[in-house]
């Protein structure tokens, strides 16, 4: 009798995890499609002044890095958030039923966590912004080097452009 209950719980957990993964995969797919569609539409209908003021590397970065992030990271992060949050909420409910005073301690811990998360998000956002700027300059330099490769070779400036590329890669990785 006990084994049947455990088997049913195991099967139901496996089915739930599969369904959750499938739902998040579909949501990620549709979000990525929508982001790409809207981005390409905005770029195609952008005025010429946009292309004069925005480096090509920044535009390429939007289509490369941002869409890759939506495709590969956001779905997994959302799935892990849901799974972890449900486990934490379940544990808090279970402990609170047995020890009601735990709610006061849990409230203090949640407030401290929210305070720390507020500062972390601000610094993480700034670091991502700096990373995007540095990656854009690297993409722009690489694209410009490729488009002017015949001129660079004709004037014998290959070593200078390679040194600049290595320097930009080092700065971006730093």
N, C-alpha and C. Protein backbone atom coordinates (compact mmCIF):
# COMPACT_ATOMS: atom_id res chain seq x y z
N UNK A 1 0.82 -1.20 0.00
CA UNK A 1 0.00 0.00 0.00
C UNK A 1 0.87 1.27 0.00
N UNK A 2 1.91 1.27 0.84
CA UNK A 2 2.80 2.44 0.92
C UNK A 2 3.54 2.66 -0.38
N UNK A 3 3.97 1.57 -1.02
CA UNK A 3 4.73 1.72 -2.27
C UNK A 3 3.86 2.32 -3.36
N UNK A 4 2.59 1.98 -3.40
CA UNK A 4 1.68 2.55 -4.39
C UNK A 4 1.53 4.05 -4.22
N UNK A 5 1.46 4.50 -2.99
CA UNK A 5 1.35 5.94 -2.71
C UNK A 5 2.63 6.66 -3.14
N UNK A 6 3.78 6.06 -2.80
CA UNK A 6 5.05 6.67 -3.18
C UNK A 6 5.23 6.70 -4.70
N UNK A 7 4.78 5.63 -5.36
CA UNK A 7 4.88 5.59 -6.82
C UNK A 7 3.97 6.65 -7.44
N UNK A 8 2.77 6.81 -6.91
CA UNK A 8 1.85 7.81 -7.43
C UNK A 8 2.40 9.22 -7.21
N UNK A 9 3.00 9.45 -6.03
CA UNK A 9 3.60 10.76 -5.77
C UNK A 9 4.78 11.02 -6.70
N UNK A 10 5.58 10.00 -6.94
CA UNK A 10 6.73 10.15 -7.84
C UNK A 10 6.30 10.44 -9.26
N UNK A 11 5.30 9.72 -9.72
CA UNK A 11 4.80 9.94 -11.08
C UNK A 11 4.17 11.32 -11.20
N UNK A 12 3.41 11.73 -10.20
CA UNK A 12 2.79 13.05 -10.26
C UNK A 12 3.84 14.16 -10.22
N UNK A 13 4.89 13.97 -9.43
CA UNK A 13 5.96 14.96 -9.40
C UNK A 13 6.68 15.03 -10.75
N UNK A 14 6.94 13.88 -11.35
CA UNK A 14 7.61 13.86 -12.65
C UNK A 14 6.76 14.54 -13.72
N UNK A 15 5.46 14.25 -13.72
CA UNK A 15 4.56 14.88 -14.68
C UNK A 15 4.47 16.39 -14.47
N UNK A 16 4.42 16.80 -13.22
CA UNK A 16 4.35 18.24 -12.92
C UNK A 16 5.62 18.94 -13.38
N UNK A 17 6.78 18.35 -13.11
CA UNK A 17 8.04 18.96 -13.54
C UNK A 17 8.13 19.01 -15.06
N UNK A 18 7.67 17.96 -15.74
CA UNK A 18 7.67 17.95 -17.20
C UNK A 18 6.76 19.04 -17.75
N UNK A 19 5.56 19.14 -17.20
CA UNK A 19 4.62 20.16 -17.67
C UNK A 19 5.16 21.57 -17.41
N UNK A 20 5.77 21.77 -16.25
CA UNK A 20 6.34 23.08 -15.93
C UNK A 20 7.46 23.41 -16.92
N UNK A 21 8.33 22.45 -17.22
CA UNK A 21 9.40 22.68 -18.19
C UNK A 21 8.86 22.99 -19.57
N UNK A 22 7.81 22.26 -19.98
CA UNK A 22 7.22 22.48 -21.31
C UNK A 22 6.57 23.87 -21.39
N UNK A 23 5.87 24.26 -20.34
CA UNK A 23 5.21 25.58 -20.33
C UNK A 23 6.26 26.69 -20.39
N UNK A 24 7.33 26.57 -19.60
CA UNK A 24 8.36 27.61 -19.63
C UNK A 24 9.11 27.62 -20.95
N UNK A 25 9.31 26.46 -21.58
CA UNK A 25 9.96 26.42 -22.90
C UNK A 25 9.09 27.13 -23.93
N UNK A 26 7.79 26.89 -23.90
CA UNK A 26 6.90 27.57 -24.84
C UNK A 26 6.85 29.08 -24.59
N UNK A 27 6.79 29.46 -23.32
CA UNK A 27 6.77 30.89 -23.00
C UNK A 27 8.06 31.56 -23.46
N UNK A 28 9.19 30.90 -23.27
CA UNK A 28 10.47 31.45 -23.72
C UNK A 28 10.50 31.58 -25.23
N UNK A 29 9.99 30.58 -25.92
CA UNK A 29 9.97 30.60 -27.38
C UNK A 29 9.14 31.78 -27.90
N UNK A 30 7.95 31.95 -27.34
CA UNK A 30 7.09 33.04 -27.80
C UNK A 30 7.66 34.41 -27.41
N UNK A 31 8.28 34.50 -26.24
CA UNK A 31 8.88 35.77 -25.82
C UNK A 31 10.05 36.14 -26.74
N UNK A 32 10.85 35.17 -27.10
CA UNK A 32 11.97 35.42 -28.00
C UNK A 32 11.49 35.84 -29.38
N UNK A 33 10.47 35.16 -29.88
CA UNK A 33 9.90 35.53 -31.18
C UNK A 33 9.39 36.97 -31.17
N UNK A 34 8.67 37.30 -30.13
CA UNK A 34 8.09 38.64 -30.02
C UNK A 34 9.18 39.70 -29.91
N UNK A 35 10.21 39.43 -29.09
CA UNK A 35 11.30 40.39 -28.93
C UNK A 35 12.02 40.61 -30.26
N UNK A 36 12.31 39.54 -30.97
CA UNK A 36 13.00 39.68 -32.25
C UNK A 36 12.14 40.41 -33.28
N UNK A 37 10.88 40.07 -33.34
CA UNK A 37 9.98 40.71 -34.29
C UNK A 37 9.88 42.21 -34.02
N UNK A 38 9.69 42.56 -32.77
CA UNK A 38 9.56 43.99 -32.43
C UNK A 38 10.88 44.73 -32.64
N UNK A 39 11.99 44.09 -32.30
CA UNK A 39 13.29 44.74 -32.47
C UNK A 39 13.60 44.99 -33.93
N UNK A 40 13.39 44.00 -34.77
CA UNK A 40 13.69 44.17 -36.19
C UNK A 40 12.77 45.19 -36.82
N UNK A 41 11.52 45.24 -36.36
CA UNK A 41 10.59 46.22 -36.89
C UNK A 41 11.02 47.64 -36.50
N UNK A 42 11.46 47.80 -35.26
CA UNK A 42 11.91 49.13 -34.81
C UNK A 42 13.14 49.59 -35.58
N UNK A 43 14.07 48.64 -35.82
CA UNK A 43 15.28 49.02 -36.54
C UNK A 43 14.97 49.35 -38.00
N UNK A 44 14.09 48.58 -38.61
CA UNK A 44 13.76 48.82 -40.02
C UNK A 44 13.04 50.15 -40.23
N UNK A 45 12.25 50.57 -39.27
CA UNK A 45 11.52 51.83 -39.40
C UNK A 45 12.19 53.00 -38.66
N UNK A 46 13.40 52.79 -38.19
CA UNK A 46 14.11 53.86 -37.47
C UNK A 46 14.55 54.94 -38.46
N UNK A 47 14.56 56.19 -38.01
CA UNK A 47 15.02 57.27 -38.90
C UNK A 47 16.53 57.17 -39.12
N UNK A 48 17.02 57.80 -40.15
CA UNK A 48 18.44 57.75 -40.48
C UNK A 48 19.30 58.36 -39.38
N UNK A 49 18.76 59.30 -38.63
CA UNK A 49 19.53 59.90 -37.54
C UNK A 49 19.88 58.86 -36.47
N UNK A 50 19.03 57.84 -36.33
CA UNK A 50 19.32 56.76 -35.38
C UNK A 50 20.60 56.03 -35.76
N UNK A 51 20.79 55.75 -37.05
CA UNK A 51 21.97 55.03 -37.50
C UNK A 51 23.22 55.90 -37.49
N UNK A 52 23.03 57.21 -37.56
CA UNK A 52 24.18 58.12 -37.48
C UNK A 52 24.69 58.26 -36.06
N UNK A 53 23.80 58.15 -35.08
CA UNK A 53 24.20 58.34 -33.68
C UNK A 53 24.45 57.04 -32.94
N UNK A 54 23.90 55.93 -33.42
CA UNK A 54 24.05 54.65 -32.74
C UNK A 54 25.10 53.81 -33.44
N UNK A 55 26.14 53.36 -32.71
CA UNK A 55 27.16 52.53 -33.34
C UNK A 55 26.57 51.18 -33.80
N UNK A 56 27.13 50.66 -34.86
CA UNK A 56 26.67 49.37 -35.39
C UNK A 56 26.84 48.25 -34.37
N UNK A 57 27.90 48.34 -33.56
CA UNK A 57 28.14 47.33 -32.54
C UNK A 57 27.02 47.25 -31.51
N UNK A 58 26.45 48.39 -31.16
CA UNK A 58 25.36 48.40 -30.20
C UNK A 58 24.12 47.74 -30.77
N UNK A 59 23.85 47.99 -32.05
CA UNK A 59 22.69 47.34 -32.69
C UNK A 59 22.91 45.84 -32.78
N UNK A 60 24.12 45.44 -33.17
CA UNK A 60 24.43 44.01 -33.26
C UNK A 60 24.35 43.35 -31.88
N UNK A 61 24.78 44.07 -30.85
CA UNK A 61 24.74 43.54 -29.49
C UNK A 61 23.30 43.26 -29.07
N UNK A 62 22.39 44.13 -29.45
CA UNK A 62 20.98 43.93 -29.11
C UNK A 62 20.45 42.65 -29.73
N UNK A 63 20.80 42.43 -30.98
CA UNK A 63 20.29 41.24 -31.66
C UNK A 63 21.04 39.98 -31.27
N UNK A 64 22.28 40.09 -30.85
CA UNK A 64 23.05 38.90 -30.49
C UNK A 64 22.87 38.55 -29.02
N UNK A 65 23.29 39.44 -28.14
CA UNK A 65 23.33 39.12 -26.71
C UNK A 65 21.95 39.12 -26.07
N UNK A 66 21.13 40.12 -26.36
CA UNK A 66 19.84 40.22 -25.69
C UNK A 66 18.91 39.09 -26.08
N UNK A 67 18.87 38.75 -27.36
CA UNK A 67 18.00 37.66 -27.78
C UNK A 67 18.55 36.32 -27.28
N UNK A 68 19.88 36.19 -27.22
CA UNK A 68 20.48 34.98 -26.65
C UNK A 68 20.11 34.85 -25.17
N UNK A 69 20.08 35.95 -24.47
CA UNK A 69 19.69 35.92 -23.06
C UNK A 69 18.26 35.45 -22.89
N UNK A 70 17.36 35.98 -23.72
CA UNK A 70 15.96 35.55 -23.64
C UNK A 70 15.85 34.07 -23.99
N UNK A 71 16.57 33.65 -25.03
CA UNK A 71 16.49 32.26 -25.47
C UNK A 71 17.02 31.28 -24.42
N UNK A 72 18.14 31.61 -23.81
CA UNK A 72 18.84 30.61 -23.00
C UNK A 72 18.77 30.82 -21.49
N UNK A 73 18.68 32.04 -21.03
CA UNK A 73 18.78 32.26 -19.58
C UNK A 73 17.45 32.52 -18.89
N UNK A 74 16.58 33.28 -19.50
CA UNK A 74 15.37 33.71 -18.80
C UNK A 74 14.44 32.54 -18.51
N UNK A 75 14.27 31.63 -19.47
CA UNK A 75 13.40 30.48 -19.24
C UNK A 75 13.87 29.61 -18.09
N UNK A 76 15.17 29.30 -18.07
CA UNK A 76 15.72 28.50 -16.97
C UNK A 76 15.64 29.25 -15.64
N UNK A 77 15.92 30.54 -15.67
CA UNK A 77 15.86 31.33 -14.43
C UNK A 77 14.44 31.38 -13.88
N UNK A 78 13.46 31.55 -14.76
CA UNK A 78 12.06 31.59 -14.34
C UNK A 78 11.61 30.24 -13.78
N UNK A 79 12.05 29.16 -14.43
CA UNK A 79 11.72 27.81 -13.95
C UNK A 79 12.33 27.58 -12.56
N UNK A 80 13.60 27.96 -12.39
CA UNK A 80 14.25 27.78 -11.09
C UNK A 80 13.62 28.65 -10.03
N UNK A 81 13.23 29.88 -10.39
CA UNK A 81 12.55 30.77 -9.45
C UNK A 81 11.25 30.15 -8.97
N UNK A 82 10.46 29.63 -9.90
CA UNK A 82 9.18 29.02 -9.52
C UNK A 82 9.38 27.81 -8.62
N UNK A 83 10.31 26.95 -8.98
CA UNK A 83 10.56 25.75 -8.18
C UNK A 83 11.07 26.11 -6.79
N UNK A 84 12.03 27.02 -6.72
CA UNK A 84 12.61 27.40 -5.43
C UNK A 84 11.59 28.13 -4.56
N UNK A 85 10.82 29.04 -5.16
CA UNK A 85 9.81 29.78 -4.39
C UNK A 85 8.75 28.84 -3.83
N UNK A 86 8.32 27.87 -4.63
CA UNK A 86 7.31 26.94 -4.11
C UNK A 86 7.87 26.08 -2.99
N UNK A 87 9.14 25.68 -3.07
CA UNK A 87 9.75 24.91 -1.99
C UNK A 87 9.89 25.75 -0.72
N UNK A 88 10.30 27.00 -0.87
CA UNK A 88 10.46 27.87 0.30
C UNK A 88 9.12 28.16 0.95
N UNK A 89 8.12 28.48 0.14
CA UNK A 89 6.79 28.77 0.70
C UNK A 89 6.22 27.53 1.38
N UNK A 90 6.40 26.36 0.76
CA UNK A 90 5.94 25.13 1.39
C UNK A 90 6.63 24.85 2.71
N UNK A 91 7.94 25.10 2.77
CA UNK A 91 8.68 24.88 4.02
C UNK A 91 8.23 25.86 5.10
N UNK A 92 8.02 27.13 4.71
CA UNK A 92 7.57 28.12 5.71
C UNK A 92 6.20 27.75 6.24
N UNK A 93 5.30 27.31 5.37
CA UNK A 93 3.96 26.91 5.82
C UNK A 93 4.05 25.71 6.76
N UNK A 94 4.84 24.72 6.39
CA UNK A 94 4.97 23.52 7.21
C UNK A 94 5.58 23.83 8.58
N UNK A 95 6.64 24.62 8.59
CA UNK A 95 7.26 24.97 9.88
C UNK A 95 6.33 25.84 10.71
N UNK A 96 5.59 26.75 10.07
CA UNK A 96 4.68 27.64 10.80
C UNK A 96 3.52 26.89 11.43
N UNK A 97 3.09 25.80 10.80
CA UNK A 97 2.03 24.99 11.40
C UNK A 97 2.53 24.34 12.69
N UNK A 98 3.77 23.90 12.67
CA UNK A 98 4.34 23.23 13.85
C UNK A 98 4.81 24.24 14.89
N UNK A 99 5.51 25.28 14.45
CA UNK A 99 6.04 26.31 15.35
C UNK A 99 5.54 27.67 14.88
N UNK A 100 4.44 28.18 15.42
CA UNK A 100 3.86 29.44 14.95
C UNK A 100 4.78 30.65 15.13
N UNK A 101 5.68 30.61 16.11
CA UNK A 101 6.58 31.74 16.33
C UNK A 101 7.59 31.91 15.19
N UNK A 102 7.72 30.92 14.38
CA UNK A 102 8.65 30.98 13.26
C UNK A 102 8.26 32.07 12.27
N UNK A 103 6.99 32.42 12.20
CA UNK A 103 6.54 33.46 11.28
C UNK A 103 7.23 34.81 11.55
N UNK A 104 7.45 35.12 12.82
CA UNK A 104 8.12 36.38 13.17
C UNK A 104 9.56 36.36 12.67
N UNK A 105 10.24 35.24 12.87
CA UNK A 105 11.63 35.12 12.41
C UNK A 105 11.68 35.15 10.88
N UNK A 106 10.74 34.47 10.24
CA UNK A 106 10.70 34.44 8.78
C UNK A 106 10.45 35.84 8.22
N UNK A 107 9.61 36.63 8.88
CA UNK A 107 9.34 37.99 8.43
C UNK A 107 10.61 38.84 8.48
N UNK A 108 11.38 38.73 9.58
CA UNK A 108 12.62 39.49 9.71
C UNK A 108 13.62 39.07 8.63
N UNK A 109 13.72 37.77 8.38
CA UNK A 109 14.64 37.27 7.36
C UNK A 109 14.23 37.78 5.97
N UNK A 110 12.94 37.77 5.68
CA UNK A 110 12.45 38.24 4.37
C UNK A 110 12.74 39.73 4.19
N UNK A 111 12.57 40.52 5.24
CA UNK A 111 12.86 41.96 5.16
C UNK A 111 14.35 42.18 4.90
N UNK A 112 15.21 41.45 5.61
CA UNK A 112 16.66 41.58 5.39
C UNK A 112 17.04 41.15 3.98
N UNK A 113 16.42 40.10 3.48
CA UNK A 113 16.71 39.63 2.13
C UNK A 113 16.27 40.67 1.10
N UNK A 114 15.12 41.26 1.28
CA UNK A 114 14.63 42.26 0.33
C UNK A 114 15.55 43.48 0.32
N UNK A 115 16.06 43.87 1.48
CA UNK A 115 16.97 45.00 1.58
C UNK A 115 18.28 44.71 0.84
N UNK A 116 18.83 43.51 1.03
CA UNK A 116 20.07 43.12 0.33
C UNK A 116 19.84 43.00 -1.17
N UNK A 117 18.71 42.46 -1.57
CA UNK A 117 18.40 42.28 -2.99
C UNK A 117 18.27 43.63 -3.69
N UNK A 118 17.76 44.63 -3.00
CA UNK A 118 17.61 45.96 -3.58
C UNK A 118 18.97 46.51 -4.00
N UNK A 119 19.98 46.39 -3.12
CA UNK A 119 21.30 46.89 -3.45
C UNK A 119 21.99 46.02 -4.50
N UNK A 120 21.77 44.73 -4.45
CA UNK A 120 22.39 43.84 -5.45
C UNK A 120 21.87 44.15 -6.85
N UNK A 121 20.56 44.34 -6.98
CA UNK A 121 19.99 44.59 -8.30
C UNK A 121 20.54 45.87 -8.92
N UNK A 122 20.71 46.91 -8.10
CA UNK A 122 21.23 48.18 -8.64
C UNK A 122 22.65 48.00 -9.16
N UNK A 123 23.50 47.32 -8.40
CA UNK A 123 24.88 47.14 -8.86
C UNK A 123 24.95 46.16 -10.03
N UNK A 124 24.13 45.12 -10.03
CA UNK A 124 24.13 44.16 -11.14
C UNK A 124 23.65 44.83 -12.43
N UNK A 125 22.66 45.70 -12.33
CA UNK A 125 22.17 46.42 -13.50
C UNK A 125 23.26 47.31 -14.09
N UNK A 126 24.01 47.99 -13.23
CA UNK A 126 25.08 48.86 -13.70
C UNK A 126 26.20 48.05 -14.35
N UNK A 127 26.54 46.90 -13.77
CA UNK A 127 27.57 46.05 -14.37
C UNK A 127 27.13 45.51 -15.73
N UNK A 128 25.87 45.13 -15.87
CA UNK A 128 25.37 44.66 -17.16
C UNK A 128 25.42 45.79 -18.19
N UNK A 129 25.11 47.00 -17.76
CA UNK A 129 25.15 48.15 -18.66
C UNK A 129 26.59 48.39 -19.15
N UNK A 130 27.55 48.35 -18.24
CA UNK A 130 28.95 48.53 -18.62
C UNK A 130 29.41 47.41 -19.55
N UNK A 131 29.00 46.20 -19.28
CA UNK A 131 29.36 45.07 -20.14
C UNK A 131 28.80 45.25 -21.54
N UNK A 132 27.56 45.72 -21.63
CA UNK A 132 26.94 45.94 -22.95
C UNK A 132 27.67 47.03 -23.73
N UNK A 133 28.08 48.09 -23.05
CA UNK A 133 28.80 49.17 -23.73
C UNK A 133 30.15 48.68 -24.26
N UNK A 134 30.87 47.93 -23.42
CA UNK A 134 32.17 47.42 -23.85
C UNK A 134 32.03 46.40 -24.98
N UNK A 135 31.02 45.55 -24.91
CA UNK A 135 30.81 44.57 -25.96
C UNK A 135 30.42 45.27 -27.26
N UNK A 136 29.65 46.34 -27.17
CA UNK A 136 29.26 47.08 -28.37
C UNK A 136 30.47 47.67 -29.07
N UNK A 137 31.40 48.23 -28.30
CA UNK A 137 32.60 48.80 -28.93
C UNK A 137 33.44 47.71 -29.57
N UNK A 138 33.49 46.53 -28.96
CA UNK A 138 34.23 45.41 -29.54
C UNK A 138 33.57 44.95 -30.85
N UNK A 139 32.26 44.80 -30.84
CA UNK A 139 31.54 44.40 -32.06
C UNK A 139 31.71 45.44 -33.16
N UNK A 140 31.63 46.71 -32.79
CA UNK A 140 31.75 47.78 -33.77
C UNK A 140 33.14 47.75 -34.41
N UNK A 141 34.18 47.63 -33.59
CA UNK A 141 35.55 47.59 -34.11
C UNK A 141 35.74 46.38 -35.02
N UNK A 142 35.23 45.23 -34.61
CA UNK A 142 35.37 44.02 -35.41
C UNK A 142 34.65 44.17 -36.75
N UNK A 143 33.43 44.70 -36.71
CA UNK A 143 32.66 44.89 -37.94
C UNK A 143 33.33 45.88 -38.88
N UNK A 144 33.83 46.98 -38.32
CA UNK A 144 34.51 47.97 -39.15
C UNK A 144 35.81 47.41 -39.72
N UNK A 145 36.51 46.59 -38.94
CA UNK A 145 37.74 45.97 -39.43
C UNK A 145 37.45 45.02 -40.58
N UNK A 146 36.37 44.27 -40.45
CA UNK A 146 36.02 43.34 -41.53
C UNK A 146 35.62 44.08 -42.80
N UNK A 147 34.86 45.14 -42.66
CA UNK A 147 34.41 45.86 -43.85
C UNK A 147 35.55 46.61 -44.52
N UNK A 148 36.56 46.99 -43.77
CA UNK A 148 37.69 47.72 -44.36
C UNK A 148 38.96 46.89 -44.45
N UNK A 149 38.80 45.58 -44.49
CA UNK A 149 39.95 44.69 -44.47
C UNK A 149 40.90 44.91 -45.65
N UNK A 150 40.37 45.16 -46.83
CA UNK A 150 41.25 45.36 -47.99
C UNK A 150 42.09 46.63 -47.84
N UNK A 151 41.47 47.68 -47.28
CA UNK A 151 42.21 48.92 -47.06
C UNK A 151 43.26 48.75 -45.98
N UNK A 152 42.91 48.03 -44.93
CA UNK A 152 43.85 47.79 -43.83
C UNK A 152 45.07 47.03 -44.35
N UNK A 153 44.84 46.02 -45.17
CA UNK A 153 45.95 45.24 -45.73
C UNK A 153 46.77 46.07 -46.72
N UNK A 154 46.09 46.90 -47.51
CA UNK A 154 46.79 47.70 -48.52
C UNK A 154 47.76 48.68 -47.88
N UNK A 155 47.37 49.26 -46.73
CA UNK A 155 48.24 50.22 -46.05
C UNK A 155 49.14 49.58 -45.00
N UNK A 156 49.10 48.28 -44.86
CA UNK A 156 49.99 47.58 -43.93
C UNK A 156 49.69 47.87 -42.47
N UNK A 157 48.43 48.08 -42.13
CA UNK A 157 48.03 48.41 -40.75
C UNK A 157 47.42 47.22 -40.02
N UNK A 158 47.70 46.02 -40.50
CA UNK A 158 47.10 44.82 -39.91
C UNK A 158 47.50 44.63 -38.45
N UNK A 159 48.78 44.86 -38.15
CA UNK A 159 49.24 44.67 -36.76
C UNK A 159 48.57 45.66 -35.80
N UNK A 160 48.38 46.89 -36.26
CA UNK A 160 47.72 47.89 -35.40
C UNK A 160 46.28 47.50 -35.11
N UNK A 161 45.55 47.03 -36.12
CA UNK A 161 44.16 46.63 -35.90
C UNK A 161 44.07 45.38 -35.04
N UNK A 162 45.02 44.45 -35.21
CA UNK A 162 45.03 43.26 -34.34
C UNK A 162 45.30 43.66 -32.89
N UNK A 163 46.22 44.60 -32.68
CA UNK A 163 46.53 45.06 -31.32
C UNK A 163 45.31 45.75 -30.70
N UNK A 164 44.62 46.57 -31.50
CA UNK A 164 43.41 47.22 -30.99
C UNK A 164 42.34 46.20 -30.64
N UNK A 165 42.20 45.18 -31.48
CA UNK A 165 41.20 44.13 -31.21
C UNK A 165 41.55 43.38 -29.92
N UNK A 166 42.82 43.03 -29.74
CA UNK A 166 43.24 42.33 -28.52
C UNK A 166 43.00 43.22 -27.30
N UNK A 167 43.30 44.50 -27.43
CA UNK A 167 43.08 45.43 -26.31
C UNK A 167 41.59 45.53 -25.96
N UNK A 168 40.72 45.63 -26.98
CA UNK A 168 39.29 45.70 -26.71
C UNK A 168 38.76 44.42 -26.09
N UNK A 169 39.27 43.27 -26.52
CA UNK A 169 38.86 41.99 -25.91
C UNK A 169 39.31 41.95 -24.45
N UNK A 170 40.53 42.39 -24.17
CA UNK A 170 41.02 42.41 -22.79
C UNK A 170 40.19 43.33 -21.92
N UNK A 171 39.85 44.52 -22.43
CA UNK A 171 39.04 45.48 -21.66
C UNK A 171 37.65 44.90 -21.41
N UNK A 172 37.05 44.26 -22.43
CA UNK A 172 35.72 43.70 -22.26
C UNK A 172 35.73 42.54 -21.28
N UNK A 173 36.76 41.71 -21.33
CA UNK A 173 36.83 40.58 -20.39
C UNK A 173 37.14 41.03 -18.96
N UNK A 174 37.86 42.15 -18.83
CA UNK A 174 38.18 42.64 -17.49
C UNK A 174 36.91 43.03 -16.76
